[in-house]
Amino acid sequence: MDKNKDVNKRHFKLTKRNVLIAIFIFCISIGLSMLILAEL
């Protein structure tokens, strides 16, 4: 049972990291589109 909990914890950590990476990429893409619009 403890082993199962540990695996779930590790999986949660990974998904949390993936969410942070996704938000980071999302912010960069918005920033780039804003720059492109500003240039126009």
PDB file of N, CA and C in Angstrom:
ATOM      1  N   MET A   1       0.845  -1.204   0.000  1.00  0.00           N
ATOM      2  CA  MET A   1       0.000   0.000   0.000  1.00  0.00           C
ATOM      3  C   MET A   1       0.886   1.262   0.000  1.00  0.00           C
ATOM      4  N   ASP A   2       1.902   1.259   0.857  1.00  0.00           N
ATOM      5  CA  ASP A   2       2.806   2.414   0.909  1.00  0.00           C
ATOM      6  C   ASP A   2       3.500   2.624  -0.437  1.00  0.00           C
ATOM      7  N   LYS A   3       3.873   1.501  -1.058  1.00  0.00           N
ATOM      8  CA  LYS A   3       4.542   1.583  -2.367  1.00  0.00           C
ATOM      9  C   LYS A   3       3.614   2.260  -3.373  1.00  0.00           C
ATOM     10  N   ASN A   4       2.353   1.889  -3.356  1.00  0.00           N
ATOM     11  CA  ASN A   4       1.365   2.459  -4.274  1.00  0.00           C
ATOM     12  C   ASN A   4       1.253   3.972  -4.072  1.00  0.00           C
ATOM     13  N   LYS A   5       1.218   4.390  -2.819  1.00  0.00           N
ATOM     14  CA  LYS A   5       1.123   5.817  -2.497  1.00  0.00           C
ATOM     15  C   LYS A   5       2.327   6.567  -3.066  1.00  0.00           C
ATOM     16  N   ASP A   6       3.510   5.971  -2.912  1.00  0.00           N
ATOM     17  CA  ASP A   6       4.742   6.597  -3.393  1.00  0.00           C
ATOM     18  C   ASP A   6       4.687   6.796  -4.911  1.00  0.00           C
ATOM     19  N   VAL A   7       4.205   5.789  -5.616  1.00  0.00           N
ATOM     20  CA  VAL A   7       4.098   5.876  -7.081  1.00  0.00           C
ATOM     21  C   VAL A   7       3.135   6.995  -7.461  1.00  0.00           C
ATOM     22  N   ASN A   8       2.014   7.080  -6.765  1.00  0.00           N
ATOM     23  CA  ASN A   8       1.033   8.132  -7.046  1.00  0.00           C
ATOM     24  C   ASN A   8       1.642   9.517  -6.807  1.00  0.00           C
ATOM     25  N   LYS A   9       2.421   9.637  -5.737  1.00  0.00           N
ATOM     26  CA  LYS A   9       3.068  10.910  -5.413  1.00  0.00           C
ATOM     27  C   LYS A   9       4.004  11.322  -6.546  1.00  0.00           C
ATOM     28  N   ARG A  10       4.801  10.365  -7.004  1.00  0.00           N
ATOM     29  CA  ARG A  10       5.759  10.650  -8.069  1.00  0.00           C
ATOM     30  C   ARG A  10       5.025  11.052  -9.354  1.00  0.00           C
ATOM     31  N   HIS A  11       3.940  10.366  -9.648  1.00  0.00           N
ATOM     32  CA  HIS A  11       3.152  10.657 -10.853  1.00  0.00           C
ATOM     33  C   HIS A  11       2.572  12.078 -10.762  1.00  0.00           C
ATOM     34  N   PHE A  12       2.084  12.441  -9.584  1.00  0.00           N
ATOM     35  CA  PHE A  12       1.510  13.772  -9.376  1.00  0.00           C
ATOM     36  C   PHE A  12       2.569  14.851  -9.595  1.00  0.00           C
ATOM     37  N   LYS A  13       3.788  14.576  -9.091  1.00  0.00           N
ATOM     38  CA  LYS A  13       4.890  15.521  -9.241  1.00  0.00           C
ATOM     39  C   LYS A  13       5.175  15.758 -10.720  1.00  0.00           C
ATOM     40  N   LEU A  14       5.204  14.664 -11.491  1.00  0.00           N
ATOM     41  CA  LEU A  14       5.485  14.752 -12.926  1.00  0.00           C
ATOM     42  C   LEU A  14       4.411  15.574 -13.634  1.00  0.00           C
ATOM     43  N   THR A  15       3.138  15.294 -13.330  1.00  0.00           N
ATOM     44  CA  THR A  15       2.055  16.011 -14.002  1.00  0.00           C
ATOM     45  C   THR A  15       2.100  17.495 -13.623  1.00  0.00           C
ATOM     46  N   LYS A  16       2.437  17.785 -12.364  1.00  0.00           N
ATOM     47  CA  LYS A  16       2.526  19.171 -11.913  1.00  0.00           C
ATOM     48  C   LYS A  16       3.611  19.896 -12.720  1.00  0.00           C
ATOM     49  N   ARG A  17       4.739  19.210 -12.923  1.00  0.00           N
ATOM     50  CA  ARG A  17       5.838  19.805 -13.682  1.00  0.00           C
ATOM     51  C   ARG A  17       5.410  20.048 -15.137  1.00  0.00           C
ATOM     52  N   ASN A  18       4.689  19.078 -15.695  1.00  0.00           N
ATOM     53  CA  ASN A  18       4.219  19.216 -17.081  1.00  0.00           C
ATOM     54  C   ASN A  18       3.269  20.406 -17.203  1.00  0.00           C
ATOM     55  N   VAL A  19       2.421  20.601 -16.201  1.00  0.00           N
ATOM     56  CA  VAL A  19       1.480  21.736 -16.219  1.00  0.00           C
ATOM     57  C   VAL A  19       2.259  23.050 -16.192  1.00  0.00           C
ATOM     58  N   LEU A  20       3.300  23.123 -15.356  1.00  0.00           N
ATOM     59  CA  LEU A  20       4.117  24.335 -15.275  1.00  0.00           C
ATOM     60  C   LEU A  20       4.782  24.614 -16.614  1.00  0.00           C
ATOM     61  N   ILE A  21       5.306  23.562 -17.260  1.00  0.00           N
ATOM     62  CA  ILE A  21       5.955  23.716 -18.567  1.00  0.00           C
ATOM     63  C   ILE A  21       4.937  24.208 -19.597  1.00  0.00           C
ATOM     64  N   ALA A  22       3.726  23.643 -19.554  1.00  0.00           N
ATOM     65  CA  ALA A  22       2.680  24.039 -20.506  1.00  0.00           C
ATOM     66  C   ALA A  22       2.317  25.516 -20.319  1.00  0.00           C
ATOM     67  N   ILE A  23       2.190  25.958 -19.064  1.00  0.00           N
ATOM     68  CA  ILE A  23       1.865  27.361 -18.774  1.00  0.00           C
ATOM     69  C   ILE A  23       2.987  28.264 -19.275  1.00  0.00           C
ATOM     70  N   PHE A  24       4.239  27.831 -19.062  1.00  0.00           N
ATOM     71  CA  PHE A  24       5.415  28.591 -19.497  1.00  0.00           C
ATOM     72  C   PHE A  24       5.393  28.781 -21.016  1.00  0.00           C
ATOM     73  N   ILE A  25       5.149  27.693 -21.754  1.00  0.00           N
ATOM     74  CA  ILE A  25       5.092  27.750 -23.223  1.00  0.00           C
ATOM     75  C   ILE A  25       3.929  28.644 -23.663  1.00  0.00           C
ATOM     76  N   PHE A  26       2.794  28.519 -22.982  1.00  0.00           N
ATOM     77  CA  PHE A  26       1.605  29.321 -23.293  1.00  0.00           C
ATOM     78  C   PHE A  26       1.916  30.813 -23.144  1.00  0.00           C
ATOM     79  N   CYS A  27       2.589  31.181 -22.049  1.00  0.00           N
ATOM     80  CA  CYS A  27       2.959  32.583 -21.804  1.00  0.00           C
ATOM     81  C   CYS A  27       3.909  33.079 -22.888  1.00  0.00           C
ATOM     82  N   ILE A  28       4.875  32.255 -23.281  1.00  0.00           N
ATOM     83  CA  ILE A  28       5.840  32.649 -24.312  1.00  0.00           C
ATOM     84  C   ILE A  28       5.116  32.901 -25.633  1.00  0.00           C
ATOM     85  N   SER A  29       4.196  32.007 -25.995  1.00  0.00           N
ATOM     86  CA  SER A  29       3.479  32.167 -27.271  1.00  0.00           C
ATOM     87  C   SER A  29       2.630  33.440 -27.254  1.00  0.00           C
ATOM     88  N   ILE A  30       2.006  33.752 -26.119  1.00  0.00           N
ATOM     89  CA  ILE A  30       1.207  34.983 -26.009  1.00  0.00           C
ATOM     90  C   ILE A  30       2.131  36.196 -26.121  1.00  0.00           C
ATOM     91  N   GLY A  31       3.277  36.129 -25.452  1.00  0.00           N
ATOM     92  CA  GLY A  31       4.246  37.227 -25.507  1.00  0.00           C
ATOM     93  C   GLY A  31       4.728  37.470 -26.924  1.00  0.00           C
ATOM     94  N   LEU A  32       5.008  36.391 -27.654  1.00  0.00           N
ATOM     95  CA  LEU A  32       5.478  36.517 -29.041  1.00  0.00           C
ATOM     96  C   LEU A  32       4.394  37.127 -29.923  1.00  0.00           C
ATOM     97  N   SER A  33       3.150  36.679 -29.773  1.00  0.00           N
ATOM     98  CA  SER A  33       2.057  37.218 -30.596  1.00  0.00           C
ATOM     99  C   SER A  33       1.840  38.699 -30.274  1.00  0.00           C
ATOM    100  N   MET A  34       2.002  39.086 -29.003  1.00  0.00           N
ATOM    101  CA  MET A  34       1.866  40.492 -28.610  1.00  0.00           C
ATOM    102  C   MET A  34       2.957  41.321 -29.287  1.00  0.00           C
ATOM    103  N   LEU A  35       4.184  40.798 -29.317  1.00  0.00           N
ATOM    104  CA  LEU A  35       5.297  41.499 -29.964  1.00  0.00           C
ATOM    105  C   LEU A  35       5.025  41.669 -31.454  1.00  0.00           C
ATOM    106  N   ILE A  36       4.526  40.618 -32.087  1.00  0.00           N
ATOM    107  CA  ILE A  36       4.219  40.664 -33.529  1.00  0.00           C
ATOM    108  C   ILE A  36       3.133  41.715 -33.787  1.00  0.00           C
ATOM    109  N   LEU A  37       2.105  41.744 -32.942  1.00  0.00           N
ATOM    110  CA  LEU A  37       1.026  42.727 -33.097  1.00  0.00           C
ATOM    111  C   LEU A  37       1.567  44.142 -32.891  1.00  0.00           C
ATOM    112  N   ALA A  38       2.477  44.306 -31.935  1.00  0.00           N
ATOM    113  CA  ALA A  38       3.065  45.616 -31.659  1.00  0.00           C
ATOM    114  C   ALA A  38       3.886  46.090 -32.865  1.00  0.00           C
ATOM    115  N   GLU A  39       4.573  45.158 -33.527  1.00  0.00           N
ATOM    116  CA  GLU A  39       5.373  45.504 -34.707  1.00  0.00           C
ATOM    117  C   GLU A  39       4.474  45.997 -35.831  1.00  0.00           C
ATOM    118  N   LEU A  40       3.284  45.397 -35.952  1.00  0.00           N
ATOM    119  CA  LEU A  40       2.340  45.815 -36.993  1.00  0.00           C
ATOM    120  C   LEU A  40       1.697  47.139 -36.554  1.00  0.00           C
TER     121      LEU A  40
END
